[in-house]
Amino acid sequence: MAITQRCNLCGRQQKSDNKKCANPACGNDLVQARKQAKIVFYTMHRIDGRQKWERIGTSLKEAQDANGKRRAQKRENRVWEIEASGEATINELCVWYLNLPERKALKTWKDMRKSLQAFRKYYGHLETRELRQEHIETFRLKRQEEGIAGATIDKTVTYLRAVIKKAITNRLVPGYTQAALEGIRRLVKEGQNAIDTAVSVPEYQALIENAQGHIKDLITLAYWTGVRKGELRALRWKDIDLSRGWITIPAEVNKTGVTRRIPIPRPVEEVLERLRPALHAVGENYCDYVFQYKGKPFVRRSSWDKALKQVCDKAKVKYGRYEGGIGWHAFRHTFVSNLANLGVPDAVRKTLAGHSLEGMDKFYVKISDEKLREAMNQYYDWYISGTSQKVDNTLTTRVSSAYNSN
């Protein structure tokens, strides 16, 4: 066990008896900095081979007392009291949680990191034992004042709750830490933020007429296949079989973690045939992504949103995720809604859209390729034959919120 001090200028952690900073490029007078209460002391001890650092404060005497207390606890084998001291900061807990192998393997890891960073910006410096409900409530108010959507704020709180729960399970913080999150209700009730806007046939036609380049192709695929925007970005030629007429969405790309196949309707086939790279293009600089920019896959998601907004403005169609506007997810909503209104069975719709089947259906129900192709042909025939009057031509009828949430 040891006591260390952190230089207030360069941040280097070093022996507590150093009078000058051990960093040659710094050389800070640590004695003078201690008198001004600018130096922070830490204690370090090992538990099961793991190093544990505890932030004590600006008093060397308090650090010595804390170090003595930890020595006694370790000698008496009261290790759990050391581990659950509640002296880890929110920042430290979040870093620990995000670095867990099972968390880093999640598709939502980047989103989780970004969401937690929003909370750490305000209260990352707090020790977990200092966390109170007022901090959570203040955080939510501040984010609302910044114009952040309630669902986004709720997601941050959900991730924070998961971090604390995992830390308690691993005896890193005491059980009472979760009291700060008890009684915190969601700002947005389940299903309240579901997208209830669908794209009518005239709106789709107006968008296609006013779109150009890759954005026109993207709108076509989104409308006719109902694939998510992330799945469009990840679409690769190796997953497309034009000869047999199938698009495969790999499990690692699909939100539900299950591989799914989508029959290729005529409008999508025309787009893919035009985009298909020539045989001589396959070489050292070949990019396998269907949608790319200058030989590289799209990285910035916002570029597609901006392009769709420009097309909507030209087509005189309202843009936006909520309040009757059209966003990328509206095409997915339209796809599922149209299939439902055409009488396509629930299990077939969910299989095409990549939604999870419920109950025992997910184990026993297997939809044949013929049924999937039959549903897609029915969708195409409905559009082409001019029978769109059977479905509200102004706004496609809404379906259950279970489809909207995905």
Protein backbone atom coordinates (compact mmCIF):
# COMPACT_ATOMS: atom_id res chain seq x y z
CA MET A 1 0.00 0.00 0.00
CA ALA A 2 1.21 3.49 -0.76
CA ILE A 3 0.28 7.16 -0.79
CA THR A 4 0.82 9.19 -3.94
CA GLN A 5 0.29 12.78 -4.97
CA ARG A 6 -0.79 14.24 -8.31
CA CYS A 7 0.94 17.34 -9.67
CA ASN A 8 -1.55 20.14 -10.23
CA LEU A 9 0.30 21.36 -13.35
CA CYS A 10 1.21 18.29 -15.40
CA GLY A 11 -1.04 15.72 -13.68
CA ARG A 12 1.78 13.23 -13.03
CA GLN A 13 1.16 10.84 -10.14
CA GLN A 14 4.24 10.30 -7.96
CA LYS A 15 5.58 9.56 -4.48
CA SER A 16 4.04 11.61 -1.69
CA ASP A 17 7.46 12.69 -0.33
CA ASN A 18 8.58 14.33 -3.59
CA LYS A 19 9.29 18.04 -3.09
CA LYS A 20 9.51 18.79 -6.79
CA CYS A 21 7.54 17.22 -9.61
CA ALA A 22 9.27 14.12 -11.00
CA ASN A 23 8.41 15.24 -14.52
CA PRO A 24 11.59 16.92 -15.88
CA ALA A 25 9.51 19.11 -18.17
CA CYS A 26 7.45 20.39 -15.24
CA GLY A 27 9.56 20.84 -12.10
CA ASN A 28 6.61 22.20 -10.11
CA ASP A 29 7.25 23.14 -6.47
CA LEU A 30 5.02 20.55 -4.78
CA VAL A 31 5.68 21.85 -1.26
CA GLN A 32 4.32 25.27 -2.14
CA ALA A 33 1.41 23.70 -4.05
CA ARG A 34 0.49 21.63 -0.95
CA LYS A 35 0.33 24.76 1.19
CA GLN A 36 -2.11 26.21 -1.36
CA ALA A 37 -4.19 22.98 -1.25
CA LYS A 38 -3.60 22.35 -4.96
CA ILE A 39 -2.16 18.84 -4.61
CA VAL A 40 -4.52 15.84 -4.48
CA PHE A 41 -3.43 12.72 -2.57
CA TYR A 42 -4.33 9.14 -3.40
CA THR A 43 -3.92 5.79 -1.72
CA MET A 44 -3.09 2.64 -3.67
CA HIS A 45 -3.60 -0.96 -2.61
CA ARG A 46 -3.95 -4.34 -4.32
CA ILE A 47 -6.99 -6.61 -4.13
CA ASP A 48 -6.73 -10.02 -5.78
CA GLY A 49 -3.82 -8.75 -7.86
CA ARG A 50 -5.72 -5.67 -9.02
CA GLN A 51 -4.56 -2.15 -8.24
CA LYS A 52 -7.17 0.12 -6.68
CA TRP A 53 -6.63 3.86 -6.47
CA GLU A 54 -8.65 6.03 -4.10
CA ARG A 55 -8.83 9.78 -4.29
CA ILE A 56 -8.52 11.18 -0.75
CA GLY A 57 -8.24 14.96 -1.04
CA THR A 58 -5.75 17.75 -0.47
CA SER A 59 -4.70 16.72 3.05
CA LEU A 60 -1.67 14.45 3.52
CA LYS A 61 -2.82 13.65 7.08
CA GLU A 62 -6.18 12.38 5.77
CA ALA A 63 -4.39 10.29 3.18
CA GLN A 64 -2.20 8.73 5.88
CA ASP A 65 -5.27 7.98 8.01
CA ALA A 66 -7.10 6.43 5.06
CA ASN A 67 -4.07 4.34 4.19
CA GLY A 68 -3.88 3.04 7.77
CA LYS A 69 -7.57 2.17 7.70
CA ARG A 70 -7.17 0.19 4.47
CA ARG A 71 -4.19 -1.69 5.90
CA ALA A 72 -6.29 -2.74 8.89
CA GLN A 73 -9.19 -3.82 6.68
CA LYS A 74 -6.92 -5.89 4.48
CA ARG A 75 -5.18 -7.47 7.48
CA GLU A 76 -8.57 -8.45 8.94
CA ASN A 77 -9.71 -9.76 5.51
CA ARG A 78 -12.50 -7.19 5.22
CA VAL A 79 -11.77 -6.71 1.53
CA TRP A 80 -15.41 -6.06 0.61
CA GLU A 81 -15.34 -2.89 2.70
CA ILE A 82 -12.42 -1.63 0.61
CA GLU A 83 -14.03 -2.50 -2.71
CA ALA A 84 -17.39 -0.97 -1.90
CA SER A 85 -16.09 2.23 -0.37
CA GLY A 86 -17.98 4.41 -2.85
CA GLU A 87 -14.91 6.56 -3.47
CA ALA A 88 -14.69 5.86 -7.20
CA THR A 89 -15.80 8.77 -9.36
CA ILE A 90 -18.52 8.58 -12.02
CA ASN A 91 -15.82 9.02 -14.66
CA GLU A 92 -13.84 6.07 -13.32
CA LEU A 93 -16.93 3.85 -13.19
CA CYS A 94 -17.95 4.74 -16.74
CA VAL A 95 -14.46 4.06 -18.09
CA TRP A 96 -14.39 0.71 -16.26
CA TYR A 97 -17.84 -0.23 -17.58
CA LEU A 98 -17.13 0.77 -21.17
CA ASN A 99 -13.91 -1.25 -21.18
CA LEU A 100 -15.62 -4.48 -20.14
CA PRO A 101 -15.16 -6.99 -23.02
CA GLU A 102 -18.86 -7.90 -23.10
CA ARG A 103 -19.79 -4.21 -23.39
CA LYS A 104 -17.23 -3.39 -26.07
CA ALA A 105 -18.67 -6.24 -28.15
CA LEU A 106 -22.12 -4.61 -28.25
CA LYS A 107 -23.32 -2.85 -31.40
CA THR A 108 -24.53 0.00 -29.19
CA TRP A 109 -21.11 0.58 -27.59
CA LYS A 110 -20.39 3.85 -29.41
CA ASP A 111 -23.86 5.15 -28.67
CA MET A 112 -23.43 4.11 -25.03
CA ARG A 113 -20.11 5.92 -24.75
CA LYS A 114 -21.53 9.09 -26.30
CA SER A 115 -24.61 8.99 -24.10
CA LEU A 116 -22.64 8.50 -20.87
CA GLN A 117 -20.24 11.27 -21.89
CA ALA A 118 -23.18 13.70 -21.71
CA PHE A 119 -23.63 12.90 -18.00
CA ARG A 120 -19.91 12.82 -17.28
CA LYS A 121 -19.65 16.34 -18.67
CA TYR A 122 -21.65 17.61 -15.71
CA TYR A 123 -21.06 15.13 -12.89
CA GLY A 124 -18.14 12.91 -13.91
CA HIS A 125 -16.01 14.37 -11.11
CA LEU A 126 -18.44 13.25 -8.40
CA GLU A 127 -17.62 10.28 -6.21
CA THR A 128 -20.40 7.70 -6.40
CA ARG A 129 -21.23 8.12 -2.71
CA GLU A 130 -21.98 11.79 -3.45
CA LEU A 131 -24.47 11.05 -6.25
CA ARG A 132 -27.99 12.25 -5.38
CA GLN A 133 -31.36 12.35 -7.11
CA GLU A 134 -31.03 16.11 -7.44
CA HIS A 135 -28.03 15.56 -9.72
CA ILE A 136 -30.08 13.35 -12.04
CA GLU A 137 -32.99 15.78 -12.08
CA THR A 138 -30.71 18.79 -12.68
CA PHE A 139 -28.98 16.96 -15.50
CA ARG A 140 -32.31 16.26 -17.20
CA LEU A 141 -33.39 19.89 -16.89
CA LYS A 142 -30.11 21.14 -18.35
CA ARG A 143 -30.34 18.76 -21.29
CA GLN A 144 -33.93 19.81 -21.96
CA GLU A 145 -32.83 23.46 -21.95
CA GLU A 146 -30.23 22.52 -24.56
CA GLY A 147 -33.03 21.21 -26.77
CA ILE A 148 -32.16 17.52 -26.37
CA ALA A 149 -35.06 15.11 -26.96
CA GLY A 150 -36.59 13.42 -23.93
CA ALA A 151 -35.93 9.96 -25.36
CA THR A 152 -32.22 10.77 -25.67
CA ILE A 153 -32.09 11.97 -22.06
CA ASP A 154 -33.91 8.84 -20.89
CA LYS A 155 -31.35 6.71 -22.71
CA THR A 156 -28.49 8.38 -20.82
CA VAL A 157 -30.19 7.69 -17.48
CA THR A 158 -30.80 4.08 -18.51
CA TYR A 159 -27.12 3.59 -19.35
CA LEU A 160 -26.09 5.25 -16.08
CA ARG A 161 -28.39 2.89 -14.17
CA ALA A 162 -26.75 -0.07 -15.92
CA VAL A 163 -23.26 1.19 -14.97
CA ILE A 164 -24.15 1.53 -11.29
CA LYS A 165 -25.95 -1.80 -11.18
CA LYS A 166 -22.94 -3.56 -12.70
CA ALA A 167 -20.58 -1.80 -10.30
CA ILE A 168 -22.68 -2.89 -7.31
CA THR A 169 -22.69 -6.48 -8.58
CA ASN A 170 -18.90 -6.35 -8.78
CA ARG A 171 -18.68 -4.76 -5.31
CA LEU A 172 -17.05 -1.61 -6.63
CA VAL A 173 -19.61 0.70 -5.02
CA PRO A 174 -22.00 0.25 -2.09
CA GLY A 175 -25.60 -0.80 -2.70
CA TYR A 176 -27.06 2.51 -1.58
CA THR A 177 -25.60 4.19 -4.68
CA GLN A 178 -28.58 3.11 -6.77
CA ALA A 179 -30.89 5.10 -4.48
CA ALA A 180 -30.05 8.18 -6.56
CA LEU A 181 -31.89 6.62 -9.50
CA GLU A 182 -34.89 5.26 -7.62
CA GLY A 183 -38.11 7.07 -8.42
CA ILE A 184 -36.65 8.68 -11.56
CA ARG A 185 -39.38 8.21 -14.14
CA ARG A 186 -38.92 8.35 -17.87
CA LEU A 187 -39.57 11.65 -19.58
CA VAL A 188 -41.04 9.81 -22.55
CA LYS A 189 -43.49 6.99 -21.96
CA GLU A 190 -43.12 3.78 -23.91
CA GLY A 191 -44.39 4.25 -27.47
CA GLN A 192 -44.89 7.99 -27.02
CA ASN A 193 -42.04 8.86 -29.37
CA ALA A 194 -42.95 6.24 -31.96
CA ILE A 195 -42.89 7.51 -35.52
CA ASP A 196 -46.46 7.64 -36.82
CA THR A 197 -45.71 9.23 -40.19
CA ALA A 198 -45.64 7.21 -43.37
CA VAL A 199 -44.79 8.22 -46.91
CA SER A 200 -47.74 8.31 -49.30
CA VAL A 201 -47.35 7.25 -52.91
CA PRO A 202 -47.53 10.86 -54.23
CA GLU A 203 -44.93 11.92 -51.65
CA TYR A 204 -42.61 9.08 -52.64
CA GLN A 205 -42.97 9.94 -56.31
CA ALA A 206 -42.25 13.61 -55.57
CA LEU A 207 -39.12 12.68 -53.66
CA ILE A 208 -37.86 10.46 -56.48
CA GLU A 209 -38.50 13.19 -59.06
CA ASN A 210 -36.52 15.75 -57.05
CA ALA A 211 -33.67 13.47 -55.92
CA GLN A 212 -30.44 12.84 -57.77
CA GLY A 213 -27.42 10.58 -57.44
CA HIS A 214 -26.99 8.24 -54.49
CA ILE A 215 -29.75 9.89 -52.43
CA LYS A 216 -32.30 8.87 -55.07
CA ASP A 217 -31.04 5.28 -54.92
CA LEU A 218 -31.12 5.31 -51.13
CA ILE A 219 -34.74 6.49 -51.06
CA THR A 220 -35.67 3.75 -53.53
CA LEU A 221 -34.10 0.98 -51.41
CA ALA A 222 -35.50 2.38 -48.16
CA TYR A 223 -39.05 2.59 -49.54
CA TRP A 224 -39.12 -0.82 -51.22
CA THR A 225 -37.24 -2.93 -48.67
CA GLY A 226 -37.79 -1.17 -45.32
CA VAL A 227 -34.13 -1.58 -44.34
CA ARG A 228 -32.76 0.63 -41.57
CA LYS A 229 -30.41 3.50 -42.38
CA GLY A 230 -27.52 1.72 -40.64
CA GLU A 231 -28.19 -1.40 -42.71
CA LEU A 232 -28.09 0.69 -45.90
CA ARG A 233 -24.74 2.15 -44.89
CA ALA A 234 -23.37 -1.34 -44.23
CA LEU A 235 -24.80 -2.92 -47.39
CA ARG A 236 -22.09 -4.73 -49.37
CA TRP A 237 -21.99 -6.40 -52.74
CA LYS A 238 -21.04 -9.74 -51.21
CA ASP A 239 -24.47 -9.74 -49.51
CA ILE A 240 -26.37 -9.18 -52.77
CA ASP A 241 -27.33 -12.00 -55.12
CA LEU A 242 -28.80 -10.33 -58.21
CA SER A 243 -29.00 -13.57 -60.16
CA ARG A 244 -31.35 -15.12 -57.61
CA GLY A 245 -32.87 -11.84 -56.48
CA TRP A 246 -31.97 -11.66 -52.76
CA ILE A 247 -30.42 -9.15 -50.36
CA THR A 248 -28.90 -10.59 -47.19
CA ILE A 249 -28.65 -8.49 -44.03
CA PRO A 250 -25.96 -10.17 -41.87
CA ALA A 251 -26.56 -10.82 -38.18
CA GLU A 252 -23.81 -8.41 -37.16
CA VAL A 253 -25.61 -5.61 -39.01
CA ASN A 254 -29.21 -6.45 -38.16
CA LYS A 255 -30.44 -4.81 -34.95
CA THR A 256 -31.94 -8.06 -33.64
CA GLY A 257 -28.72 -10.01 -34.28
CA VAL A 258 -30.36 -12.42 -36.76
CA THR A 259 -29.50 -12.82 -40.44
CA ARG A 260 -32.42 -12.01 -42.72
CA ARG A 261 -33.05 -12.19 -46.46
CA ILE A 262 -35.13 -9.76 -48.49
CA PRO A 263 -36.44 -10.45 -52.02
CA ILE A 264 -35.30 -7.80 -54.51
CA PRO A 265 -38.29 -5.99 -56.08
CA ARG A 266 -38.05 -4.57 -59.62
CA PRO A 267 -37.25 -0.91 -58.69
CA VAL A 268 -34.42 -2.04 -56.40
CA GLU A 269 -33.10 -4.46 -59.01
CA GLU A 270 -32.82 -1.61 -61.53
CA VAL A 271 -30.83 0.49 -59.05
CA LEU A 272 -28.45 -2.35 -58.15
CA GLU A 273 -27.91 -3.35 -61.76
CA ARG A 274 -26.87 0.22 -62.53
CA LEU A 275 -24.61 0.47 -59.47
CA ARG A 276 -23.05 -2.97 -59.84
CA PRO A 277 -19.29 -2.58 -60.35
CA ALA A 278 -17.71 -3.87 -63.51
CA LEU A 279 -15.58 -7.00 -63.25
CA HIS A 280 -12.38 -5.09 -63.98
CA ALA A 281 -13.11 -2.77 -61.03
CA VAL A 282 -12.33 -5.56 -58.56
CA GLY A 283 -8.75 -4.91 -57.57
CA GLU A 284 -6.47 -3.37 -55.00
CA ASN A 285 -8.61 -0.23 -54.57
CA TYR A 286 -11.95 -2.02 -54.80
CA CYS A 287 -14.60 -0.98 -52.25
CA ASP A 288 -17.26 -3.61 -51.56
CA TYR A 289 -19.80 -1.19 -50.11
CA VAL A 290 -22.81 -0.50 -52.33
CA PHE A 291 -23.06 3.13 -51.25
CA GLN A 292 -19.72 4.86 -51.16
CA TYR A 293 -18.06 8.21 -51.70
CA LYS A 294 -14.77 8.49 -53.57
CA GLY A 295 -14.11 4.78 -53.16
CA LYS A 296 -14.78 4.72 -49.43
CA PRO A 297 -17.89 3.85 -47.36
CA PHE A 298 -19.92 6.69 -45.88
CA VAL A 299 -18.78 7.55 -42.36
CA ARG A 300 -20.82 10.61 -41.43
CA ARG A 301 -24.47 9.70 -40.89
CA SER A 302 -25.50 13.35 -40.93
CA SER A 303 -24.65 13.68 -44.64
CA TRP A 304 -27.62 11.48 -45.59
CA ASP A 305 -29.94 13.40 -43.28
CA LYS A 306 -28.88 16.70 -44.83
CA ALA A 307 -29.35 15.32 -48.34
CA LEU A 308 -32.84 13.98 -47.52
CA LYS A 309 -33.84 17.34 -46.07
CA GLN A 310 -32.78 19.10 -49.27
CA VAL A 311 -34.83 16.66 -51.36
CA CYS A 312 -37.87 17.13 -49.08
CA ASP A 313 -37.60 20.89 -49.41
CA LYS A 314 -37.53 20.64 -53.22
CA ALA A 315 -40.46 18.21 -53.25
CA LYS A 316 -42.49 20.40 -50.85
CA VAL A 317 -42.65 17.51 -48.37
CA LYS A 318 -42.25 18.16 -44.65
CA TYR A 319 -38.96 16.86 -43.26
CA GLY A 320 -38.33 15.74 -39.69
CA ARG A 321 -38.51 12.76 -37.43
CA TYR A 322 -41.60 13.93 -35.55
CA GLU A 323 -44.75 16.04 -36.02
CA GLY A 324 -45.72 14.62 -39.39
CA GLY A 325 -42.30 15.00 -40.97
CA ILE A 326 -40.46 12.44 -43.07
CA GLY A 327 -37.13 10.99 -41.96
CA TRP A 328 -35.28 7.84 -42.93
CA HIS A 329 -37.26 5.73 -40.48
CA ALA A 330 -40.52 6.87 -42.07
CA PHE A 331 -39.71 4.71 -45.11
CA ARG A 332 -39.42 1.69 -42.83
CA HIS A 333 -42.71 2.57 -41.18
CA THR A 334 -44.27 2.89 -44.63
CA PHE A 335 -42.97 -0.50 -45.76
CA VAL A 336 -44.39 -2.34 -42.75
CA SER A 337 -47.67 -0.39 -42.83
CA ASN A 338 -48.27 -1.09 -46.51
CA LEU A 339 -47.64 -4.81 -46.03
CA ALA A 340 -50.06 -4.83 -43.09
CA ASN A 341 -52.77 -3.04 -45.09
CA LEU A 342 -52.31 -5.51 -47.93
CA GLY A 343 -53.05 -8.37 -45.54
CA VAL A 344 -49.53 -9.84 -45.38
CA PRO A 345 -49.37 -12.17 -42.32
CA ASP A 346 -47.74 -10.81 -39.18
CA ALA A 347 -44.88 -13.34 -39.15
CA VAL A 348 -44.02 -12.60 -42.79
CA ARG A 349 -43.99 -8.83 -42.16
CA LYS A 350 -41.72 -9.20 -39.16
CA THR A 351 -39.36 -11.50 -41.04
CA LEU A 352 -39.04 -9.04 -43.93
CA ALA A 353 -38.59 -6.07 -41.60
CA GLY A 354 -36.12 -7.85 -39.31
CA HIS A 355 -38.32 -7.63 -36.23
CA SER A 356 -38.18 -10.32 -33.57
CA LEU A 357 -40.98 -12.87 -33.50
CA GLU A 358 -42.74 -13.09 -30.15
CA GLY A 359 -43.18 -16.00 -27.77
CA MET A 360 -42.54 -19.49 -29.08
CA ASP A 361 -42.89 -18.27 -32.67
CA LYS A 362 -39.24 -17.25 -32.66
CA PHE A 363 -38.31 -20.92 -32.16
CA TYR A 364 -40.89 -22.71 -34.30
CA VAL A 365 -41.99 -20.36 -37.09
CA LYS A 366 -39.76 -20.39 -40.18
CA ILE A 367 -41.02 -18.41 -43.15
CA SER A 368 -40.20 -19.92 -46.54
CA ASP A 369 -38.53 -17.95 -49.32
CA GLU A 370 -41.66 -18.42 -51.43
CA LYS A 371 -43.80 -16.63 -48.84
CA LEU A 372 -41.34 -13.76 -48.60
CA ARG A 373 -41.18 -13.37 -52.37
CA GLU A 374 -44.97 -13.62 -52.61
CA ALA A 375 -45.36 -10.76 -50.11
CA MET A 376 -42.86 -8.58 -51.97
CA ASN A 377 -44.58 -9.29 -55.31
CA GLN A 378 -47.90 -8.36 -53.73
CA TYR A 379 -46.39 -5.07 -52.58
CA TYR A 380 -44.98 -4.34 -56.04
CA ASP A 381 -48.22 -5.30 -57.85
CA TRP A 382 -50.20 -3.03 -55.52
CA TYR A 383 -47.98 -0.09 -56.42
CA ILE A 384 -47.85 -0.74 -60.15
CA SER A 385 -51.45 -1.75 -60.78
CA GLY A 386 -52.83 1.54 -59.51
CA THR A 387 -54.80 -0.07 -56.66
CA SER A 388 -53.22 2.30 -54.13
CA GLN A 389 -56.74 3.66 -53.49
CA LYS A 390 -57.26 0.65 -51.23
CA VAL A 391 -54.73 2.18 -48.90
CA ASP A 392 -55.02 5.80 -47.76
CA ASN A 393 -53.15 7.66 -50.48
CA THR A 394 -52.49 10.66 -48.29
CA LEU A 395 -51.07 8.91 -45.24
CA THR A 396 -50.58 5.20 -44.86
CA THR A 397 -52.65 3.77 -42.02
CA ARG A 398 -50.78 3.39 -38.75
CA VAL A 399 -49.92 0.02 -37.30
CA SER A 400 -49.03 -0.97 -33.75
CA SER A 401 -46.20 0.88 -32.02
CA ALA A 402 -44.27 -2.40 -31.84
CA TYR A 403 -43.24 -1.83 -35.45
CA ASN A 404 -42.44 1.84 -34.91
CA SER A 405 -39.93 1.24 -32.10
CA ASN A 406 -37.59 -0.67 -34.36
